[in-house]
Amino acid sequence: MVRRIGKIVFVLVGGGLGFQYGPELFSLLNNLLNFGVVNGTQYIGAALGAILFFFAANFLMDYIFRVIRWGEETLVKMPVVDVMFGAMGLISGLIVAFLLFLPISKIPIPVIGDLLPLVVSGLLGYLGFQVGFRKRDEIMSVFSIGRKDRDKKKENVNTTVNVENKILDTSVIIDGRIADICRTGFLEGVLVIPGFVLEELQHIADSSDVLKRNRGRRGLDILNKIQKEMKVKVQIWEGDFEEVSEVDSKLIKLAKVIGGKVVTNDFNLNKVCELQGVPVLNINDLANAVKPVVLPGEEMNVQVIKDGKEHGQGVAYLDDGTMIVVEGGRDYIGNEVDVLVTSVLQTSAGRMIFAKPKLLEKAL
C-alpha cells in the first residue's frame, strides 16, 4: 500500500513538472530541430513527465524506503533532548530560509529563481538541525546563565547552598578510593559520571587482556557500589562531544560547560586541567595531605625489604605505602632498623622519604 502511494506521488510530481516545463522543452527542441508548431505541449509534457517518473519510481522506491527506515531507526535511538534541540535548530533554519525566499525568488533567471529557494531551504534546515543537535550543551548553558545569576543572589542572602558537580574520570573510578571518600562524607555535591566514561569502562571490561578486563569490571563495581550504598547524589550525563575524540579532552570540555570540577588521579590530566583553568581534585594530593607528617631528624623503625637504585641503598615502606630510601641500608635487608629522617620529597605523584640508620649516626 505504501509503495503504491509512493508511486502515485512520483507520477503526480512528474506530471506537474512536465506540465510546467513542457512548453519550454518543446520550444527548445523546435529551435534545434525545427519540426514545427506542436499543440498541447503542456499536456504532452505532463504525460511524458508522469511516465518517466513512473519508471524512475520502480528503481528509486527501494532506496528511498531504506533511507526512510534508516532515518526512523536513528531518530528512535536518539535521546529525546537531542531530538528536541535538533528540531529547534531545523525550525530556526527554515525560518531564516523563509525570510530569504522572496529576495532569492526575484532573481531574473527562471530556473535559478525557482530552484535556488528550495536548495537554500534544504541547506539552512540541515545546518540548523546540526547546530541544534551538536551544540545542545552550549545552548543549555546559555539559557542557564540567568538561573545561575539568581542562584548566586540567593547564595549571597544565605537562602541556598551552592551544589558543585564533581566529574569522575576513568582512572579515579578504577582506582576505587573514591568510594571510601564518599563513605566518609568529605565529598559534597553531585557526582557526575559522563556517558563516554561509562563507554570506555565497558570497552576495558570487554577487553581480551585479563588485567584490563579485571580493571574495567572493578570500575563498574565501584560505580554500582557508590550509586546504591553511598549517601551521595549520582548523575549520569548522557551527552557527548562527537567532534572531540580523546576522553580527557571531553572531560575538560564538560567541566567548562556545566561548571564542574574534574576528579582524577591522572597526573597528566591534572596538569592539562590546570593549564586550561579547569578546577581539578586529585585523589593522590588528598592521600598525601592526610598522611602523617614526617620531619627531618625524626626517628622511625622500619623493615628494609630490598635494594635501592643506588649502591648501598635499601628500601622500606610505611603502612600507607610511602617509600623510604635508607642510605647504607643494604646491609639491613630483611631486618628492622631504627633510622633518622634526612629529607622528604613531596610531589603529586606521591611522597618519598630519605633516611639513614641511627647506628651510623651514632658512629659518626
Protein backbone atom coordinates (compact mmCIF):
# COMPACT_ATOMS: atom_id res chain seq x y z
CA MET A 1 0.00 0.00 0.00
CA VAL A 2 2.78 2.41 0.90
CA ARG A 3 4.63 1.60 -2.31
CA ARG A 4 1.51 2.36 -4.37
CA ILE A 5 1.07 5.69 -2.65
CA GLY A 6 4.74 6.47 -3.27
CA LYS A 7 4.39 5.67 -6.98
CA ILE A 8 1.27 7.85 -7.21
CA VAL A 9 3.19 10.73 -5.62
CA PHE A 10 6.05 10.22 -8.10
CA VAL A 11 3.62 10.23 -11.04
CA LEU A 12 1.88 13.39 -9.83
CA VAL A 13 5.21 15.18 -9.30
CA GLY A 14 6.44 14.12 -12.74
CA GLY A 15 3.18 15.20 -14.35
CA GLY A 16 3.29 18.56 -12.63
CA LEU A 17 6.88 19.22 -13.69
CA GLY A 18 6.10 18.13 -17.24
CA PHE A 19 3.04 20.36 -17.35
CA GLN A 20 5.04 23.38 -16.17
CA TYR A 21 8.25 22.94 -18.17
CA GLY A 22 6.87 21.02 -21.18
CA PRO A 23 6.31 24.11 -23.38
CA GLU A 24 9.82 25.38 -22.73
CA LEU A 25 11.28 21.97 -23.56
CA PHE A 26 9.35 21.71 -26.84
CA SER A 27 10.29 25.29 -27.72
CA LEU A 28 13.97 24.44 -27.22
CA LEU A 29 13.64 21.28 -29.32
CA ASN A 30 11.82 23.24 -32.02
CA ASN A 31 14.68 25.72 -32.23
CA LEU A 32 17.18 22.88 -32.57
CA LEU A 33 15.25 20.52 -34.87
CA ASN A 34 12.71 22.91 -36.47
CA PHE A 35 9.87 20.35 -36.59
CA GLY A 36 7.12 22.97 -36.49
CA VAL A 37 4.48 24.03 -34.03
CA VAL A 38 3.09 21.36 -31.71
CA ASN A 39 -0.25 21.90 -29.98
CA GLY A 40 -0.92 20.86 -26.39
CA THR A 41 2.71 20.82 -25.28
CA GLN A 42 1.68 21.22 -21.66
CA TYR A 43 -0.38 18.04 -21.70
CA ILE A 44 2.24 16.15 -23.70
CA GLY A 45 4.90 17.27 -21.22
CA ALA A 46 2.70 16.20 -18.30
CA ALA A 47 2.20 12.75 -19.84
CA LEU A 48 5.93 12.31 -20.56
CA GLY A 49 6.86 13.51 -17.06
CA ALA A 50 4.38 11.13 -15.44
CA ILE A 51 5.68 8.19 -17.49
CA LEU A 52 9.33 8.98 -16.76
CA PHE A 53 8.72 9.36 -13.04
CA PHE A 54 6.63 6.16 -13.00
CA PHE A 55 9.58 4.15 -14.31
CA ALA A 56 12.00 6.07 -12.08
CA ALA A 57 9.86 5.14 -9.08
CA ASN A 58 10.43 1.45 -9.74
CA PHE A 59 14.19 1.95 -9.42
CA LEU A 60 14.25 4.54 -6.63
CA MET A 61 11.45 3.31 -4.36
CA ASP A 62 13.51 0.66 -2.57
CA TYR A 63 16.38 3.07 -1.97
CA ILE A 64 14.01 5.77 -0.69
CA PHE A 65 12.33 3.36 1.72
CA ARG A 66 15.71 2.21 3.03
CA VAL A 67 16.68 5.82 3.69
CA ILE A 68 13.35 6.49 5.43
CA ARG A 69 13.69 3.34 7.55
CA TRP A 70 17.27 4.28 8.49
CA GLY A 71 16.15 7.77 9.48
CA GLU A 72 13.31 6.37 11.55
CA GLU A 73 15.60 3.95 13.42
CA THR A 74 18.15 6.71 14.02
CA LEU A 75 15.53 9.06 15.47
CA VAL A 76 14.14 6.34 17.72
CA LYS A 77 17.61 5.60 19.16
CA MET A 78 18.43 9.27 19.76
CA PRO A 79 17.74 10.77 23.22
CA VAL A 80 14.65 12.97 23.41
CA VAL A 81 16.76 16.02 24.34
CA ASP A 82 18.86 15.63 21.18
CA VAL A 83 15.75 15.33 19.00
CA MET A 84 14.19 18.41 20.61
CA PHE A 85 17.25 20.61 20.11
CA GLY A 86 17.70 19.28 16.57
CA ALA A 87 14.07 20.13 15.77
CA MET A 88 14.52 23.61 17.25
CA GLY A 89 17.58 24.15 15.06
CA LEU A 90 15.71 22.85 11.99
CA ILE A 91 12.81 25.24 12.61
CA SER A 92 15.21 28.15 13.07
CA GLY A 93 16.96 27.31 9.79
CA LEU A 94 13.67 27.10 7.90
CA ILE A 95 12.57 30.46 9.34
CA VAL A 96 15.77 32.07 8.04
CA ALA A 97 15.22 30.37 4.66
CA PHE A 98 11.65 31.74 4.53
CA LEU A 99 12.97 35.27 5.11
CA LEU A 100 15.38 34.80 2.20
CA PHE A 101 12.75 33.20 -0.05
CA LEU A 102 11.33 36.39 -1.55
CA PRO A 103 14.68 38.07 -2.44
CA ILE A 104 16.02 34.86 -4.00
CA SER A 105 12.83 34.12 -5.96
CA LYS A 106 13.09 37.53 -7.67
CA ILE A 107 16.31 36.54 -9.45
CA PRO A 108 15.55 37.14 -13.18
CA ILE A 109 16.98 33.79 -14.31
CA PRO A 110 13.91 31.46 -14.43
CA VAL A 111 15.45 28.14 -13.41
CA ILE A 112 17.68 29.61 -10.69
CA GLY A 113 14.86 31.74 -9.32
CA ASP A 114 12.65 28.66 -8.97
CA LEU A 115 15.17 26.08 -7.72
CA LEU A 116 17.54 28.15 -5.59
CA PRO A 117 14.97 28.84 -2.80
CA LEU A 118 14.45 25.09 -2.43
CA VAL A 119 18.19 24.46 -2.24
CA VAL A 120 18.67 27.26 0.30
CA SER A 121 15.77 25.95 2.41
CA GLY A 122 17.21 22.43 2.49
CA LEU A 123 20.73 23.67 3.26
CA LEU A 124 19.69 26.04 6.06
CA GLY A 125 17.35 23.43 7.53
CA TYR A 126 20.18 20.86 7.61
CA LEU A 127 22.65 23.34 9.11
CA GLY A 128 20.09 24.40 11.73
CA PHE A 129 19.48 20.78 12.73
CA GLN A 130 23.22 20.07 13.03
CA VAL A 131 23.85 23.22 15.10
CA GLY A 132 20.95 22.46 17.43
CA PHE A 133 22.00 18.81 17.79
CA ARG A 134 25.76 19.26 18.25
CA LYS A 135 25.67 22.46 20.31
CA ARG A 136 22.87 21.45 22.66
CA ASP A 137 25.11 21.62 25.73
CA GLU A 138 26.36 25.11 24.93
CA ILE A 139 22.78 26.25 24.23
CA MET A 140 21.61 24.83 27.56
CA SER A 141 24.44 26.58 29.35
CA VAL A 142 23.49 29.90 27.67
CA PHE A 143 19.87 29.58 28.79
CA SER A 144 21.00 28.69 32.31
CA ILE A 145 23.01 31.90 32.76
CA GLY A 146 20.04 33.72 34.22
CA ARG A 147 19.33 30.83 36.54
CA LYS A 148 22.95 30.83 37.71
CA ASP A 149 22.71 34.55 38.41
CA ARG A 150 19.60 34.01 40.51
CA ASP A 151 21.33 31.19 42.37
CA LYS A 152 24.27 33.46 43.14
CA LYS A 153 21.94 36.12 44.51
CA LYS A 154 20.23 33.55 46.71
CA GLU A 155 23.59 32.35 47.92
CA ASN A 156 24.53 35.90 48.96
CA VAL A 157 21.49 36.09 51.25
CA ASN A 158 22.15 32.59 52.64
CA THR A 159 18.93 31.10 51.28
CA THR A 160 20.51 28.27 49.39
CA VAL A 161 23.64 26.15 49.31
CA ASN A 162 25.81 26.01 46.20
CA VAL A 163 26.00 22.43 44.91
CA GLU A 164 29.09 21.63 42.86
CA ASN A 165 29.39 18.97 40.19
CA LYS A 166 32.28 16.53 40.59
CA ILE A 167 33.06 14.86 37.26
CA LEU A 168 34.72 11.45 37.64
CA ASP A 169 37.27 10.25 35.10
CA THR A 170 38.05 6.63 34.24
CA SER A 171 41.25 6.34 36.29
CA VAL A 172 39.72 7.51 39.56
CA ILE A 173 36.78 5.12 39.15
CA ILE A 174 39.08 2.13 38.57
CA ASP A 175 41.30 3.23 41.48
CA GLY A 176 38.40 2.67 43.89
CA ARG A 177 39.41 5.10 46.65
CA ILE A 178 36.62 7.46 45.58
CA ALA A 179 34.12 5.06 47.20
CA ASP A 180 35.91 5.31 50.56
CA ILE A 181 35.97 9.12 50.29
CA CYS A 182 32.23 9.17 49.57
CA ARG A 183 31.60 6.92 52.57
CA THR A 184 33.36 9.35 54.91
CA GLY A 185 31.16 12.23 53.74
CA PHE A 186 34.02 14.58 52.89
CA LEU A 187 32.96 14.82 49.22
CA GLU A 188 29.97 17.12 48.75
CA GLY A 189 27.87 17.92 45.71
CA VAL A 190 26.80 15.76 42.79
CA LEU A 191 28.99 13.04 41.29
CA VAL A 192 28.68 13.35 37.52
CA ILE A 193 29.53 10.23 35.53
CA PRO A 194 29.73 11.02 31.78
CA GLY A 195 28.35 8.52 29.32
CA PHE A 196 31.61 8.42 27.36
CA VAL A 197 33.44 7.40 30.57
CA LEU A 198 30.96 4.55 31.06
CA GLU A 199 31.53 3.53 27.46
CA GLU A 200 35.30 3.48 27.98
CA LEU A 201 34.87 1.39 31.15
CA GLN A 202 32.71 -1.06 29.21
CA HIS A 203 35.36 -1.36 26.48
CA ILE A 204 38.01 -2.04 29.13
CA ALA A 205 35.77 -4.61 30.84
CA ASP A 206 35.24 -6.37 27.48
CA SER A 207 38.96 -6.43 26.66
CA SER A 208 40.66 -9.70 25.78
CA ASP A 209 43.51 -8.80 28.16
CA VAL A 210 42.82 -10.29 31.60
CA LEU A 211 44.35 -7.38 33.54
CA LYS A 212 42.39 -4.75 31.61
CA ARG A 213 39.20 -6.78 31.89
CA ASN A 214 39.56 -7.03 35.68
CA ARG A 215 40.27 -3.30 35.94
CA GLY A 216 37.17 -2.46 33.90
CA ARG A 217 34.95 -4.74 35.94
CA ARG A 218 36.35 -3.30 39.15
CA GLY A 219 35.45 0.19 37.94
CA LEU A 220 31.88 -0.85 37.11
CA ASP A 221 31.56 -2.49 40.54
CA ILE A 222 32.80 0.68 42.24
CA LEU A 223 30.21 2.79 40.39
CA ASN A 224 27.45 0.37 41.30
CA LYS A 225 28.56 0.49 44.94
CA ILE A 226 28.61 4.30 45.01
CA GLN A 227 25.18 4.56 43.42
CA LYS A 228 23.46 2.03 45.66
CA GLU A 229 25.25 2.20 49.01
CA MET A 230 26.61 5.74 49.38
CA LYS A 231 24.63 8.75 50.56
CA VAL A 232 25.74 10.88 47.65
CA LYS A 233 23.82 12.02 44.60
CA VAL A 234 25.00 10.40 41.36
CA GLN A 235 24.06 11.78 37.95
CA ILE A 236 24.70 10.06 34.61
CA TRP A 237 25.46 12.66 31.93
CA GLU A 238 24.29 11.08 28.67
CA GLY A 239 25.63 13.69 26.25
CA ASP A 240 28.77 13.51 24.15
CA PHE A 241 31.14 15.73 22.19
CA GLU A 242 31.40 13.95 18.86
CA GLU A 243 33.87 16.48 17.46
CA VAL A 244 36.35 15.51 20.23
CA SER A 245 37.93 12.05 20.18
CA GLU A 246 40.01 11.94 23.41
CA VAL A 247 38.17 11.17 26.65
CA ASP A 248 40.37 13.57 28.65
CA SER A 249 39.52 16.43 26.27
CA LYS A 250 35.82 15.58 26.59
CA LEU A 251 36.10 15.72 30.40
CA ILE A 252 37.69 19.17 30.25
CA LYS A 253 35.04 20.46 27.86
CA LEU A 254 32.24 19.01 30.00
CA ALA A 255 33.69 20.71 33.09
CA LYS A 256 33.63 24.04 31.24
CA VAL A 257 30.05 23.51 30.03
CA ILE A 258 28.44 22.53 33.35
CA GLY A 259 30.86 24.40 35.60
CA GLY A 260 32.12 21.33 37.46
CA LYS A 261 35.38 20.00 38.86
CA VAL A 262 37.28 17.05 37.41
CA VAL A 263 38.09 14.32 39.95
CA THR A 264 41.11 12.27 38.86
CA ASN A 265 44.38 10.66 39.92
CA ASP A 266 45.93 11.05 36.45
CA PHE A 267 48.97 13.32 36.74
CA ASN A 268 48.88 14.40 33.09
CA LEU A 269 45.14 15.20 33.14
CA ASN A 270 45.75 17.17 36.33
CA LYS A 271 48.32 19.36 34.56
CA VAL A 272 46.15 19.89 31.45
CA CYS A 273 43.19 20.95 33.61
CA GLU A 274 45.39 23.46 35.43
CA LEU A 275 46.66 24.87 32.12
CA GLN A 276 43.11 25.33 30.80
CA GLY A 277 41.80 26.84 34.01
CA VAL A 278 39.53 23.90 34.91
CA PRO A 279 39.21 23.10 38.65
CA VAL A 280 40.59 19.64 39.43
CA LEU A 281 40.58 17.42 42.50
CA ASN A 282 43.48 14.95 42.57
CA ILE A 283 42.93 11.91 44.78
CA ASN A 284 46.69 11.48 45.15
CA ASP A 285 47.01 15.02 46.53
CA LEU A 286 44.29 14.21 49.05
CA ALA A 287 46.02 10.97 50.06
CA ASN A 288 49.32 12.79 50.53
CA ALA A 289 47.63 15.52 52.56
CA VAL A 290 46.24 13.08 55.13
CA LYS A 291 49.47 11.11 55.57
CA PRO A 292 51.30 11.62 58.85
CA VAL A 293 53.81 14.46 58.72
CA VAL A 294 57.42 13.32 58.88
CA LEU A 295 60.12 15.92 59.63
CA PRO A 296 63.87 15.71 59.09
CA GLY A 297 65.61 14.44 62.23
CA GLU A 298 62.66 12.30 63.31
CA GLU A 299 63.32 8.70 64.34
CA MET A 300 61.49 5.78 62.76
CA ASN A 301 61.61 2.00 62.99
CA VAL A 302 61.30 0.31 59.59
CA GLN A 303 61.99 -3.03 57.96
CA VAL A 304 64.33 -2.87 54.97
CA ILE A 305 62.87 -5.04 52.20
CA LYS A 306 65.05 -4.72 49.11
CA ASP A 307 67.95 -2.94 47.39
CA GLY A 308 67.68 0.63 46.22
CA LYS A 309 68.70 2.04 42.85
CA GLU A 310 71.96 3.49 44.10
CA HIS A 311 74.84 1.47 45.55
CA GLY A 312 74.37 0.55 49.20
CA GLN A 313 70.79 1.81 49.44
CA GLY A 314 67.93 -0.14 50.99
CA VAL A 315 64.20 0.39 50.54
CA ALA A 316 61.48 0.19 53.19
CA TYR A 317 57.77 1.09 53.20
CA LEU A 318 55.39 2.60 55.72
CA ASP A 319 51.92 1.14 56.32
CA ASP A 320 50.36 3.71 53.94
CA GLY A 321 52.72 2.69 51.12
CA THR A 322 55.18 5.57 51.41
CA MET A 323 58.63 4.50 50.20
CA ILE A 324 61.65 5.11 52.46
CA VAL A 325 65.11 5.12 50.90
CA VAL A 326 67.69 4.19 53.55
CA GLU A 327 71.26 5.24 52.78
CA GLY A 328 73.58 2.34 53.61
CA GLY A 329 70.57 0.16 54.32
CA ARG A 330 71.58 -2.69 52.04
CA ASP A 331 73.27 -4.47 54.94
CA TYR A 332 69.97 -4.48 56.88
CA ILE A 333 67.77 -6.17 54.24
CA GLY A 334 65.22 -8.40 55.98
CA ASN A 335 65.78 -6.75 59.39
CA GLU A 336 64.15 -3.96 61.32
CA VAL A 337 66.32 -0.94 61.95
CA ASP A 338 65.96 2.47 63.61
CA VAL A 339 66.54 5.27 61.09
CA LEU A 340 66.74 9.07 61.17
CA VAL A 341 64.84 11.05 58.50
CA THR A 342 67.17 13.28 56.48
CA SER A 343 64.73 14.75 53.91
CA VAL A 344 61.23 14.38 52.49
CA LEU A 345 60.29 14.72 48.80
CA GLN A 346 56.63 15.61 48.20
CA THR A 347 55.01 15.55 44.71
CA SER A 348 51.55 14.97 43.22
CA ALA A 349 52.71 11.50 42.25
CA GLY A 350 53.47 10.59 45.87
CA ARG A 351 55.90 11.09 48.74
CA MET A 352 59.39 9.73 49.23
CA ILE A 353 61.36 9.77 52.50
CA PHE A 354 65.15 9.64 52.68
CA ALA A 355 66.76 8.34 55.87
CA LYS A 356 69.93 6.79 57.26
CA PRO A 357 70.47 4.19 60.00
CA LYS A 358 70.59 5.58 63.53
CA LEU A 359 73.54 3.34 64.32
CA LEU A 360 75.50 5.02 61.55
CA GLU A 361 74.66 8.43 63.02
CA LYS A 362 75.94 7.37 66.46
CA ALA A 363 79.13 6.05 64.89
CA LEU A 364 79.77 9.45 63.36
